[in-house]
Amino acid sequence: MKLTGAQMVWESLVREGVTTVFGISGGAVIHLYHALPEYPIHHVLMRHEQAAAHAADGYARATGRVGVCMATSGPGATNLVTGLATAYMDSSPVVAITGQVATPLIGTDAFQEVDITGITLPITKHNYLVTDIHELPTVIREAFYIARTGRPGPVLIDIARDVQAAQAEYVYPEEVYLPGYQIPQEDCQSHVQEMARLINEAQRPVIIAGHGVILAGAEDALLSLAEKAQIPVVTTLLGISSLPETHPLCLGMAGMHGEAYANLALCEADLIVALGSRFDDRLTGPAKHFAPQARIIHVDIDAAEIEKNVRADLAIVGDLRDILPALISLVEERDHTDWLSRIREWRKESAERDILAQELDELFPQYVIRQIWHATQGNITVVSDVGQNQMWEAQYFIHHRRRGLISSGGLGTMGFALPAAIGVQMALPHEQVWVTAGDGGFQMNIQELATVVQEKLPLKIAILNNGYLGMVRQWQQFFFEGRYSGTPLLGPDFARVAEAYGIPGLTVRERSEVMPAIERALATDGPFLMDFRIVQEENVYPMVAPGSSIQQMIRRPLHSKR
């Protein structure tokens, strides 16, 4: 059939199973938007293109499907960059479609022309500039295939304006031919046998469960492996929810702001089995000091991650959904009684020292997070922003649902939570989605409250408002002589701002008001915002200072417990 380039785009998206697109219109994509009403795709009009990329990212993380965003040329395309970098760092499958000036104008510095493929080359898995309508269906087919296969990631398609308006015969390719794009398919059986031998011989093993476990859908296999061999599991930030935190073998998050007992377990382990983790510096501290007593097994789908940061005694490049089932049949049933008993002692000591007492009179952020957990019993998806609020959420909300926490890890993008939660709620319309954010990050994409209202999304929003750029202020307190330069933060009355958008809101200043506010939010059918005015100079504990080993933690001062 003969279609315009614009029609080809939407027809191809339908064939890829796309039902939702996040974007903002403009001159260089006006042909695309003109054709959109002919197709069964819901367009979510965002208020900023960065937010469109985050929404597509949130949609992808919640479902495992490819999220799609769209922007016009020039500033529209460049506004996507932070969102694409966020998705790239966290291996999120996103396809971004941008408009470009007409083919004869490319390279002339035409109005709203920018080399977006050049700009995004380091932060996309691949990208395309389409100047020939006959290439368009193949490009879209390849883009979705690349985004979702192997290690997922964002792909950008830049389409010249005249290509969108042109007509040609439309044939969508059934198969993809990309000889230069290799997905690991080697026979790992001998490596898996060696992996099982090392696990069977270990006396103090620890599993690191990274984001790759979730991306592979390997949560059941991880649980089976941990239970059969009785191996304790620590998670990375993005690995949270790969194993229910209610499980006795789950030690929670490790690293710079991880649980003290999780860090100690890594430091004392004689074997570390890293599954889908890239050994980020926030997990390991200085690589030369990481896990000095342990042999290390590293399993990752991306060969580029093997020994990039940490040496590996055994490296396996492959897909966890294939490797873990093969491994489970080879490992022996163990109990590791002494090792688990030792970890329980560390856990008890850590709870007594690092976990803030819940009966304190002041309004502490940890209390707010724990009360949200109590009120919901953890049966929600939390989309957290970045900073202190992110760490408190990871520490005090007990995640037991799969994909129960969605956050920006590698790039640490403030302003991620609200637009990403829009994508999550669009993907999961019948589930309860909560936003947790600081007052700094929330103001970075606060305009998306309008999108929440326009799409009638029942998001619940909890702002931990301390009047600072809190994590930077904490660093200034600890390492820069307490000089709070550029961190005191003036913010609006968030409840009144929400009400201006048509969202009911509450300002909470006392502990006694916390649970009633949460219950009111839960009883509200639509969106609801709570502005919690927390203790201003509360810190995240434990904390590993830059350059220190993860066992050299700054712990909560004992006198601050009560």
Protein backbone atom coordinates (compact mmCIF):
# COMPACT_ATOMS: atom_id res chain seq x y z
CA MET A 1 0.00 0.00 0.00
CA LYS A 2 1.10 3.57 -0.63
CA LEU A 3 1.58 5.74 2.45
CA THR A 4 3.16 9.02 3.39
CA GLY A 5 6.27 8.90 5.55
CA ALA A 6 4.18 10.12 8.49
CA GLN A 7 1.67 7.30 7.99
CA MET A 8 4.53 4.81 7.73
CA VAL A 9 5.74 5.85 11.17
CA TRP A 10 2.40 5.26 12.87
CA GLU A 11 1.66 2.08 10.89
CA SER A 12 5.06 0.71 11.95
CA LEU A 13 4.50 1.63 15.60
CA VAL A 14 1.17 -0.18 15.56
CA ARG A 15 2.89 -3.27 14.16
CA GLU A 16 5.44 -3.06 16.97
CA GLY A 17 2.63 -3.16 19.51
CA VAL A 18 2.89 0.48 20.56
CA THR A 19 -0.28 1.89 22.12
CA THR A 20 1.09 4.99 23.89
CA VAL A 21 3.48 7.74 22.80
CA PHE A 22 4.74 10.63 24.94
CA GLY A 23 5.66 13.85 23.19
CA ILE A 24 5.24 17.47 22.17
CA SER A 25 4.35 18.62 18.66
CA GLY A 26 6.24 21.17 16.56
CA GLY A 27 6.90 22.31 13.04
CA ALA A 28 9.28 19.51 12.09
CA VAL A 29 6.84 16.79 13.20
CA ILE A 30 3.59 18.45 12.15
CA HIS A 31 3.08 15.87 9.39
CA LEU A 32 3.38 13.09 11.97
CA TYR A 33 0.78 14.69 14.22
CA HIS A 34 -1.51 15.32 11.25
CA ALA A 35 -1.54 11.57 10.52
CA LEU A 36 -1.81 10.45 14.16
CA PRO A 37 -5.67 10.47 14.48
CA GLU A 38 -5.86 7.72 11.83
CA TYR A 39 -4.16 5.22 14.17
CA PRO A 40 -5.09 3.53 17.50
CA ILE A 41 -2.28 5.14 19.47
CA HIS A 42 -2.82 7.36 22.48
CA HIS A 43 -0.59 10.43 22.52
CA VAL A 44 0.25 11.87 25.93
CA LEU A 45 0.98 15.57 25.62
CA MET A 46 3.82 16.33 28.02
CA ARG A 47 4.85 19.86 29.04
CA HIS A 48 8.58 19.41 28.38
CA GLU A 49 10.45 17.05 26.08
CA GLN A 50 12.78 15.88 28.87
CA ALA A 51 9.66 14.74 30.69
CA ALA A 52 8.50 12.92 27.54
CA ALA A 53 11.72 10.90 27.51
CA HIS A 54 11.40 10.12 31.24
CA ALA A 55 7.77 9.07 30.75
CA ALA A 56 8.73 6.71 27.94
CA ASP A 57 11.52 5.39 30.18
CA GLY A 58 9.11 4.82 33.08
CA TYR A 59 6.68 3.05 30.75
CA ALA A 60 9.48 0.75 29.59
CA ARG A 61 10.75 -0.03 33.09
CA ALA A 62 7.26 -0.86 34.35
CA THR A 63 6.44 -3.24 31.50
CA GLY A 64 9.67 -4.39 29.86
CA ARG A 65 8.25 -3.14 26.56
CA VAL A 66 9.74 -0.38 24.44
CA GLY A 67 8.68 3.12 25.49
CA VAL A 68 8.26 5.74 22.74
CA CYS A 69 8.73 9.51 22.87
CA MET A 70 8.54 12.16 20.18
CA ALA A 71 9.83 15.71 19.72
CA THR A 72 10.33 18.31 17.03
CA SER A 73 13.70 19.41 15.69
CA GLY A 74 16.15 21.81 17.34
CA PRO A 75 15.29 22.57 20.97
CA GLY A 76 12.62 19.89 21.05
CA ALA A 77 15.19 17.25 20.15
CA THR A 78 17.90 18.60 22.44
CA ASN A 79 15.47 18.66 25.37
CA LEU A 80 15.26 14.86 25.04
CA VAL A 81 18.98 14.45 25.72
CA THR A 82 18.91 14.18 29.53
CA GLY A 83 16.07 11.67 29.38
CA LEU A 84 17.86 9.56 26.77
CA ALA A 85 21.08 9.62 28.81
CA THR A 86 19.08 8.46 31.83
CA ALA A 87 17.62 5.56 29.85
CA TYR A 88 21.02 4.69 28.40
CA MET A 89 22.76 4.52 31.77
CA ASP A 90 20.01 2.31 33.17
CA SER A 91 19.56 0.04 30.11
CA SER A 92 15.98 1.07 29.42
CA PRO A 93 14.46 0.26 25.99
CA VAL A 94 13.24 3.55 24.50
CA VAL A 95 12.71 4.67 20.91
CA ALA A 96 12.82 8.44 20.41
CA ILE A 97 11.45 9.88 17.16
CA THR A 98 12.47 13.43 16.24
CA GLY A 99 11.69 15.66 13.33
CA GLN A 100 14.47 17.23 11.26
CA VAL A 101 14.50 20.08 8.79
CA ALA A 102 13.87 19.19 5.15
CA THR A 103 16.64 17.28 3.41
CA PRO A 104 17.82 20.21 1.20
CA LEU A 105 18.27 22.34 4.34
CA ILE A 106 20.33 19.88 6.36
CA GLY A 107 23.74 21.39 7.06
CA THR A 108 22.67 24.98 6.33
CA ASP A 109 21.97 26.04 9.94
CA ALA A 110 18.30 26.30 9.03
CA PHE A 111 15.71 27.40 11.57
CA GLN A 112 15.57 24.85 14.40
CA GLU A 113 18.19 22.62 12.80
CA VAL A 114 20.52 20.67 15.08
CA ASP A 115 22.64 17.57 14.53
CA ILE A 116 20.74 15.45 17.05
CA THR A 117 22.27 12.18 15.84
CA GLY A 118 25.72 13.61 16.49
CA ILE A 119 24.67 14.92 19.89
CA THR A 120 23.11 11.66 21.04
CA LEU A 121 25.67 9.26 19.59
CA PRO A 122 27.34 8.61 23.00
CA ILE A 123 24.03 8.21 24.87
CA THR A 124 22.05 5.96 22.56
CA LYS A 125 22.50 2.33 21.65
CA HIS A 126 22.15 3.40 18.01
CA ASN A 127 20.62 6.26 16.06
CA TYR A 128 19.47 7.07 12.53
CA LEU A 129 18.99 10.06 10.25
CA VAL A 130 16.35 9.22 7.62
CA THR A 131 16.54 11.21 4.37
CA ASP A 132 15.01 8.56 2.07
CA ILE A 133 11.40 7.49 2.58
CA HIS A 134 12.15 4.00 1.24
CA GLU A 135 14.46 3.36 4.22
CA LEU A 136 11.92 4.41 6.83
CA PRO A 137 10.09 1.09 7.53
CA THR A 138 13.36 -0.82 7.80
CA VAL A 139 14.86 1.79 10.11
CA ILE A 140 11.88 1.63 12.48
CA ARG A 141 11.93 -2.18 12.50
CA GLU A 142 15.65 -2.17 13.30
CA ALA A 143 15.30 0.51 15.97
CA PHE A 144 12.78 -1.49 17.99
CA TYR A 145 14.80 -4.68 17.59
CA ILE A 146 17.98 -3.01 18.81
CA ALA A 147 16.26 -1.24 21.70
CA ARG A 148 14.70 -4.38 23.17
CA THR A 149 17.30 -7.09 22.50
CA GLY A 150 20.58 -7.90 24.25
CA ARG A 151 21.32 -5.20 26.78
CA PRO A 152 18.33 -2.86 26.25
CA GLY A 153 18.81 0.81 25.55
CA PRO A 154 17.50 3.90 23.76
CA VAL A 155 17.53 4.34 19.98
CA LEU A 156 16.83 7.64 18.21
CA ILE A 157 15.30 8.07 14.75
CA ASP A 158 15.63 11.54 13.20
CA ILE A 159 13.29 11.97 10.22
CA ALA A 160 13.58 14.82 7.73
CA ARG A 161 10.41 16.87 7.28
CA ASP A 162 10.12 16.20 3.54
CA VAL A 163 10.43 12.44 4.16
CA GLN A 164 7.37 12.65 6.42
CA ALA A 165 5.39 14.37 3.63
CA ALA A 166 6.55 12.14 0.75
CA GLN A 167 4.70 9.03 -0.47
CA ALA A 168 5.95 5.56 -1.32
CA GLU A 169 4.94 1.91 -1.25
CA TYR A 170 4.96 0.61 2.32
CA VAL A 171 6.45 -2.78 3.11
CA TYR A 172 7.30 -3.57 6.72
CA PRO A 173 10.16 -6.09 6.94
CA GLU A 174 9.38 -9.31 8.80
CA GLU A 175 12.99 -9.94 9.76
CA VAL A 176 15.97 -7.82 10.72
CA TYR A 177 19.35 -8.23 9.07
CA LEU A 178 22.07 -6.60 11.16
CA PRO A 179 25.31 -8.56 10.73
CA GLY A 180 27.25 -6.04 12.81
CA TYR A 181 24.91 -6.35 15.81
CA GLN A 182 25.80 -9.44 17.80
CA ILE A 183 23.81 -10.74 20.79
CA PRO A 184 25.66 -13.28 22.96
CA GLN A 185 24.54 -16.78 21.97
CA GLU A 186 27.63 -18.81 22.82
CA ASP A 187 27.49 -22.11 24.65
CA CYS A 188 28.17 -21.26 28.30
CA GLN A 189 27.80 -24.80 29.66
CA SER A 190 31.44 -25.25 30.68
CA HIS A 191 31.43 -21.83 32.36
CA VAL A 192 28.20 -22.66 34.19
CA GLN A 193 29.74 -25.90 35.45
CA GLU A 194 32.74 -23.98 36.78
CA MET A 195 30.39 -21.44 38.34
CA ALA A 196 28.53 -24.24 40.14
CA ARG A 197 31.82 -25.71 41.39
CA LEU A 198 32.90 -22.38 42.89
CA ILE A 199 29.50 -21.92 44.55
CA ASN A 200 29.54 -25.46 45.95
CA GLU A 201 33.02 -24.93 47.44
CA ALA A 202 32.34 -21.50 48.95
CA GLN A 203 31.89 -21.05 52.69
CA ARG A 204 30.84 -17.38 52.70
CA PRO A 205 29.12 -16.70 49.37
CA VAL A 206 27.12 -13.57 48.53
CA ILE A 207 25.03 -12.85 45.44
CA ILE A 208 24.89 -9.31 44.04
CA ALA A 209 21.57 -8.94 42.23
CA GLY A 210 21.70 -6.08 39.77
CA HIS A 211 19.24 -4.48 37.39
CA GLY A 212 20.02 -7.21 34.85
CA VAL A 213 18.07 -9.74 36.93
CA ILE A 214 14.94 -7.63 36.51
CA LEU A 215 15.58 -6.88 32.84
CA ALA A 216 15.97 -10.62 32.18
CA GLY A 217 12.82 -11.50 34.11
CA ALA A 218 15.00 -13.86 36.16
CA GLU A 219 13.54 -13.16 39.61
CA ASP A 220 12.16 -16.68 40.06
CA ALA A 221 15.47 -18.24 39.10
CA LEU A 222 17.34 -15.94 41.51
CA LEU A 223 15.02 -16.99 44.32
CA SER A 224 15.49 -20.68 43.52
CA LEU A 225 19.28 -20.35 43.43
CA ALA A 226 19.44 -18.41 46.70
CA GLU A 227 17.16 -20.85 48.52
CA LYS A 228 18.77 -24.03 47.21
CA ALA A 229 22.33 -22.98 48.08
CA GLN A 230 21.29 -20.74 51.02
CA ILE A 231 23.21 -17.76 49.64
CA PRO A 232 22.47 -14.28 51.03
CA VAL A 233 21.62 -11.67 48.38
CA VAL A 234 22.51 -7.99 48.32
CA THR A 235 21.07 -5.74 45.65
CA THR A 236 22.17 -2.68 43.81
CA LEU A 237 19.81 0.32 43.84
CA LEU A 238 18.25 -0.76 40.55
CA GLY A 239 18.32 -4.40 41.64
CA ILE A 240 15.88 -3.66 44.46
CA SER A 241 12.78 -5.91 44.11
CA SER A 242 14.70 -8.63 42.24
CA LEU A 243 14.28 -10.59 45.49
CA PRO A 244 11.53 -9.72 47.98
CA GLU A 245 13.04 -7.70 50.82
CA THR A 246 10.82 -9.67 53.18
CA HIS A 247 12.82 -12.80 52.38
CA PRO A 248 15.33 -13.77 55.11
CA LEU A 249 18.11 -14.19 52.54
CA CYS A 250 17.66 -10.67 51.18
CA LEU A 251 20.11 -8.23 52.81
CA GLY A 252 18.85 -5.20 50.92
CA MET A 253 20.87 -2.57 49.11
CA ALA A 254 24.65 -2.40 49.43
CA GLY A 255 27.08 0.38 48.57
CA MET A 256 27.59 4.03 49.45
CA HIS A 257 24.28 4.32 51.29
CA GLY A 258 23.57 0.61 51.59
CA GLU A 259 22.84 -1.35 54.72
CA ALA A 260 25.92 -1.69 56.93
CA TYR A 261 25.47 -5.46 57.25
CA ALA A 262 25.19 -5.82 53.46
CA ASN A 263 28.49 -3.99 53.02
CA LEU A 264 30.15 -6.07 55.72
CA ALA A 265 28.92 -9.25 54.06
CA LEU A 266 30.55 -8.20 50.79
CA CYS A 267 33.81 -7.37 52.55
CA GLU A 268 33.94 -10.72 54.38
CA ALA A 269 32.67 -12.96 51.57
CA ASP A 270 34.93 -15.59 50.02
CA LEU A 271 32.81 -15.71 46.83
CA ILE A 272 30.77 -12.99 45.15
CA VAL A 273 28.35 -13.95 42.38
CA ALA A 274 27.47 -10.77 40.49
CA LEU A 275 24.35 -11.17 38.37
CA GLY A 276 23.52 -8.38 35.94
CA SER A 277 25.49 -5.77 37.86
CA ARG A 278 28.10 -3.52 36.29
CA PHE A 279 30.00 -2.91 39.56
CA ASP A 280 29.17 0.78 39.64
CA ASP A 281 31.42 2.90 41.86
CA ARG A 282 28.48 3.66 44.18
CA LEU A 283 28.32 -0.06 44.93
CA THR A 284 32.02 -0.88 45.17
CA GLY A 285 33.87 2.22 46.34
CA PRO A 286 37.47 2.14 45.05
CA ALA A 287 37.70 -1.06 43.02
CA LYS A 288 41.11 -1.98 44.45
CA HIS A 289 39.59 -2.21 47.94
CA PHE A 290 36.42 -4.07 46.97
CA ALA A 291 35.82 -7.55 48.40
CA PRO A 292 39.50 -8.27 49.14
CA GLN A 293 38.87 -11.85 50.31
CA ALA A 294 36.49 -12.93 47.56
CA ARG A 295 36.74 -14.72 44.29
CA ILE A 296 34.39 -13.01 41.87
CA ILE A 297 32.02 -14.50 39.31
CA HIS A 298 30.61 -11.89 36.94
CA VAL A 299 27.63 -12.69 34.69
CA ASP A 300 26.43 -10.00 32.31
CA ILE A 301 24.83 -9.84 28.89
CA ASP A 302 27.18 -7.01 27.84
CA ALA A 303 30.77 -8.13 27.25
CA ALA A 304 31.92 -4.53 27.63
CA GLU A 305 31.02 -4.62 31.33
CA ILE A 306 33.20 -7.64 32.13
CA GLU A 307 36.27 -6.47 34.08
CA LYS A 308 35.55 -2.85 33.17
CA ASN A 309 35.58 -1.90 36.85
CA VAL A 310 36.35 -5.02 38.91
CA ARG A 311 38.48 -8.08 38.15
CA ALA A 312 36.62 -11.36 37.61
CA ASP A 313 37.91 -14.84 38.41
CA LEU A 314 35.16 -16.25 36.20
CA ALA A 315 33.37 -14.17 33.57
CA ILE A 316 30.28 -15.32 31.70
CA VAL A 317 28.74 -13.27 28.91
CA GLY A 318 25.16 -14.32 28.45
CA ASP A 319 21.49 -13.95 29.32
CA LEU A 320 20.53 -14.65 32.92
CA ARG A 321 17.21 -16.15 31.86
CA ASP A 322 19.21 -18.97 30.24
CA ILE A 323 22.19 -19.20 32.59
CA LEU A 324 20.44 -19.33 35.97
CA PRO A 325 18.14 -22.29 35.23
CA ALA A 326 21.15 -24.25 33.95
CA LEU A 327 23.10 -23.32 37.08
CA ILE A 328 20.39 -24.28 39.59
CA SER A 329 20.46 -27.93 38.56
CA LEU A 330 24.21 -28.06 39.24
CA VAL A 331 24.49 -26.34 42.62
CA GLU A 332 24.27 -28.35 45.81
CA GLU A 333 21.83 -27.81 48.64
CA ARG A 334 23.67 -26.03 51.43
CA ASP A 335 22.89 -24.32 54.74
CA HIS A 336 25.86 -21.98 55.48
CA THR A 337 24.65 -21.83 59.08
CA ASP A 338 27.70 -20.09 60.53
CA TRP A 339 27.88 -17.51 57.75
CA LEU A 340 24.19 -16.60 57.93
CA SER A 341 24.37 -16.45 61.73
CA ARG A 342 27.24 -13.99 61.51
CA ILE A 343 25.28 -11.81 59.09
CA ARG A 344 22.28 -11.86 61.45
CA GLU A 345 24.50 -10.47 64.21
CA TRP A 346 25.66 -7.65 61.94
CA ARG A 347 22.04 -7.05 60.96
CA LYS A 348 20.94 -6.80 64.58
CA GLU A 349 23.73 -4.36 65.42
CA SER A 350 22.98 -2.28 62.35
CA ALA A 351 19.28 -2.09 63.15
CA GLU A 352 20.08 -0.89 66.66
CA ARG A 353 22.48 1.77 65.44
CA ASP A 354 21.67 2.90 61.88
CA ILE A 355 17.89 2.59 61.70
CA LEU A 356 16.30 5.75 63.04
CA ALA A 357 13.97 5.16 65.97
CA GLN A 358 10.40 5.52 64.79
CA GLU A 359 9.14 6.98 68.05
CA LEU A 360 11.03 10.28 67.75
CA ASP A 361 8.82 13.35 68.08
CA GLU A 362 10.08 15.38 65.13
CA LEU A 363 8.97 14.79 61.55
CA PHE A 364 11.76 12.67 60.10
CA PRO A 365 11.71 11.54 56.46
CA GLN A 366 12.38 7.92 57.42
CA TYR A 367 9.16 7.91 59.44
CA VAL A 368 7.20 9.24 56.46
CA ILE A 369 8.52 6.53 54.14
CA ARG A 370 7.88 3.76 56.65
CA GLN A 371 4.32 5.02 57.25
CA ILE A 372 3.62 4.94 53.51
CA TRP A 373 4.79 1.34 53.56
CA HIS A 374 2.58 0.50 56.55
CA ALA A 375 -0.46 2.13 54.96
CA THR A 376 -0.01 0.36 51.61
CA GLN A 377 1.67 -2.84 52.86
CA GLY A 378 4.09 -2.33 50.01
CA ASN A 379 1.47 -3.16 47.39
CA ILE A 380 2.34 -0.15 45.23
CA THR A 381 4.89 0.85 42.63
CA VAL A 382 7.13 3.64 43.90
CA VAL A 383 8.86 6.01 41.49
CA SER A 384 11.52 7.86 43.43
CA ASP A 385 13.51 10.90 42.50
CA VAL A 386 17.22 11.41 43.22
CA GLY A 387 19.06 12.53 46.32
CA GLN A 388 18.44 11.92 50.01
CA ASN A 389 14.78 11.12 49.32
CA GLN A 390 15.88 8.29 47.00
CA MET A 391 18.12 6.72 49.64
CA TRP A 392 15.52 7.00 52.41
CA GLU A 393 12.96 5.35 50.15
CA ALA A 394 15.39 2.52 49.33
CA GLN A 395 16.21 2.01 53.02
CA TYR A 396 12.83 2.38 54.73
CA PHE A 397 10.27 1.13 52.20
CA ILE A 398 10.24 -2.67 52.18
CA HIS A 399 9.99 -3.74 48.55
CA HIS A 400 8.46 -7.13 47.88
CA ARG A 401 6.70 -6.52 44.54
CA ARG A 402 8.50 -7.08 41.26
CA ARG A 403 9.51 -3.86 39.55
CA GLY A 404 8.27 -2.19 42.72
CA LEU A 405 10.89 0.58 42.68
CA ILE A 406 11.67 2.67 39.62
CA SER A 407 14.36 5.32 39.86
CA SER A 408 17.26 6.92 38.03
CA GLY A 409 20.43 5.08 39.00
CA GLY A 410 23.42 5.61 36.74
CA LEU A 411 22.81 9.23 35.74
CA GLY A 412 21.12 10.26 38.98
CA THR A 413 18.66 12.58 37.25
CA MET A 414 16.78 14.97 39.50
CA GLY A 415 13.31 15.63 38.13
CA PHE A 416 12.92 12.01 36.96
CA ALA A 417 10.20 10.85 39.31
CA LEU A 418 7.07 12.79 38.33
CA PRO A 419 7.27 12.32 34.53
CA ALA A 420 8.52 8.73 34.86
CA ALA A 421 5.56 8.00 37.14
CA ILE A 422 3.24 9.31 34.43
CA GLY A 423 4.69 6.68 32.12
CA VAL A 424 4.39 3.99 34.79
CA GLN A 425 0.76 4.87 35.53
CA MET A 426 -0.11 4.90 31.82
CA ALA A 427 1.44 1.44 31.55
CA LEU A 428 -0.25 0.15 34.72
CA PRO A 429 -3.62 1.93 34.79
CA HIS A 430 -5.15 -0.35 37.42
CA GLU A 431 -2.23 -0.28 39.85
CA GLN A 432 -1.37 2.27 42.50
CA VAL A 433 1.67 4.39 41.68
CA TRP A 434 3.39 6.71 44.16
CA VAL A 435 5.94 9.45 43.60
CA THR A 436 8.53 10.21 46.28
CA ALA A 437 10.68 13.25 45.68
CA GLY A 438 12.63 16.01 47.34
CA ASP A 439 11.63 19.63 47.06
CA GLY A 440 14.61 20.30 44.76
CA GLY A 441 14.02 17.53 42.25
CA PHE A 442 10.26 17.98 42.23
CA GLN A 443 10.58 21.58 41.07
CA MET A 444 12.61 20.49 38.04
CA ASN A 445 9.58 18.99 36.27
CA ILE A 446 6.73 20.35 38.36
CA GLN A 447 4.94 21.46 35.17
CA GLU A 448 3.98 17.82 34.55
CA LEU A 449 1.25 18.17 37.18
CA ALA A 450 -0.76 19.52 34.24
CA THR A 451 -0.20 16.26 32.38
CA VAL A 452 -1.34 14.30 35.43
CA VAL A 453 -4.62 16.23 35.43
CA GLN A 454 -5.14 16.15 31.67
CA GLU A 455 -4.66 12.36 31.60
CA LYS A 456 -6.73 11.87 34.78
CA LEU A 457 -3.96 9.87 36.47
CA PRO A 458 -4.44 8.92 40.14
CA LEU A 459 -0.80 9.46 41.16
CA LYS A 460 -0.05 9.91 44.85
CA ILE A 461 2.82 12.33 45.43
CA ALA A 462 4.90 12.58 48.61
CA ILE A 463 7.42 15.43 48.76
CA LEU A 464 10.11 15.23 51.44
CA ASN A 465 10.63 18.95 51.83
CA ASN A 466 13.71 20.02 53.80
CA GLY A 467 14.45 23.35 52.15
CA TYR A 468 17.81 22.20 50.80
CA LEU A 469 19.41 20.40 47.94
CA GLY A 470 19.73 17.78 50.60
CA MET A 471 22.39 15.33 49.42
CA VAL A 472 24.75 18.11 48.40
CA ARG A 473 24.13 19.81 51.75
CA GLN A 474 25.02 16.54 53.50
CA TRP A 475 28.31 16.36 51.61
CA GLN A 476 28.99 19.98 52.52
CA GLN A 477 28.35 19.18 56.19
CA PHE A 478 30.60 16.12 56.21
CA PHE A 479 33.42 17.07 53.86
CA PHE A 480 33.33 20.84 53.17
CA GLU A 481 33.39 22.44 56.63
CA GLY A 482 29.63 22.82 56.83
CA ARG A 483 29.62 25.65 54.29
CA TYR A 484 26.17 25.45 52.74
CA SER A 485 26.96 27.22 49.50
CA GLY A 486 24.27 27.04 46.84
CA THR A 487 22.14 24.48 48.69
CA PRO A 488 19.53 26.40 50.77
CA LEU A 489 16.46 26.15 48.58
CA LEU A 490 13.37 28.34 48.45
CA GLY A 491 10.33 26.44 47.30
CA PRO A 492 6.65 27.20 46.81
CA ASP A 493 3.68 26.07 48.85
CA PHE A 494 3.43 22.78 46.97
CA ALA A 495 -0.09 22.05 48.18
CA ARG A 496 -1.35 25.34 46.79
CA VAL A 497 0.54 24.81 43.53
CA ALA A 498 -1.11 21.40 43.22
CA GLU A 499 -4.51 22.94 43.90
CA ALA A 500 -3.85 25.49 41.15
CA TYR A 501 -3.52 22.56 38.76
CA GLY A 502 -6.69 20.99 40.16
CA ILE A 503 -4.99 18.43 42.42
CA PRO A 504 -5.91 18.32 46.12
CA GLY A 505 -2.93 18.80 48.41
CA LEU A 506 -1.92 18.90 52.07
CA THR A 507 1.00 20.39 53.96
CA VAL A 508 2.12 18.12 56.82
CA ARG A 509 4.26 19.48 59.64
CA GLU A 510 3.63 17.10 62.57
CA ARG A 511 4.09 13.36 63.03
CA SER A 512 0.49 13.01 64.10
CA GLU A 513 -0.62 14.34 60.71
CA VAL A 514 1.35 11.85 58.62
CA MET A 515 -0.92 8.81 58.64
CA PRO A 516 -4.16 10.82 58.28
CA ALA A 517 -2.65 12.52 55.22
CA ILE A 518 -1.64 9.20 53.69
CA GLU A 519 -5.07 7.73 54.39
CA ARG A 520 -6.74 10.73 52.78
CA ALA A 521 -4.52 10.27 49.71
CA LEU A 522 -5.48 6.60 49.53
CA ALA A 523 -9.17 7.48 49.83
CA THR A 524 -8.96 9.97 46.95
CA ASP A 525 -9.86 8.53 43.56
CA GLY A 526 -7.66 10.92 41.60
CA PRO A 527 -4.21 12.41 42.19
CA PHE A 528 -3.16 13.73 45.59
CA LEU A 529 -0.09 15.64 46.78
CA MET A 530 1.43 15.72 50.27
CA ASP A 531 4.13 18.22 51.22
CA PHE A 532 5.96 16.79 54.25
CA ARG A 533 8.00 19.49 56.01
CA ILE A 534 10.71 17.24 57.41
CA VAL A 535 13.67 17.88 59.72
CA GLN A 536 15.91 20.07 57.62
CA GLU A 537 19.38 18.74 58.38
CA GLU A 538 18.69 15.04 58.71
CA ASN A 539 21.32 12.88 56.97
CA VAL A 540 21.39 9.54 55.20
CA TYR A 541 23.21 6.84 57.17
CA PRO A 542 25.30 4.82 56.64
CA MET A 543 27.48 6.72 54.18
CA VAL A 544 30.75 5.73 52.59
CA ALA A 545 33.05 8.70 52.09
CA PRO A 546 34.56 9.18 48.61
CA GLY A 547 37.72 7.13 48.28
CA SER A 548 36.89 4.88 51.23
CA SER A 549 36.24 1.16 51.26
CA ILE A 550 32.59 0.21 51.63
CA GLN A 551 33.34 -1.20 55.09
CA GLN A 552 34.61 2.23 56.23
CA MET A 553 31.18 3.69 56.77
CA ILE A 554 30.05 6.86 58.47
CA ARG A 555 27.47 5.53 60.90
CA ARG A 556 24.66 7.33 62.69
CA PRO A 557 25.94 8.94 65.92
CA LEU A 558 24.60 6.90 68.82
CA HIS A 559 23.33 9.97 70.68
CA SER A 560 21.00 10.83 67.78
CA LYS A 561 18.92 7.69 68.14
CA ARG A 562 16.54 9.30 70.60
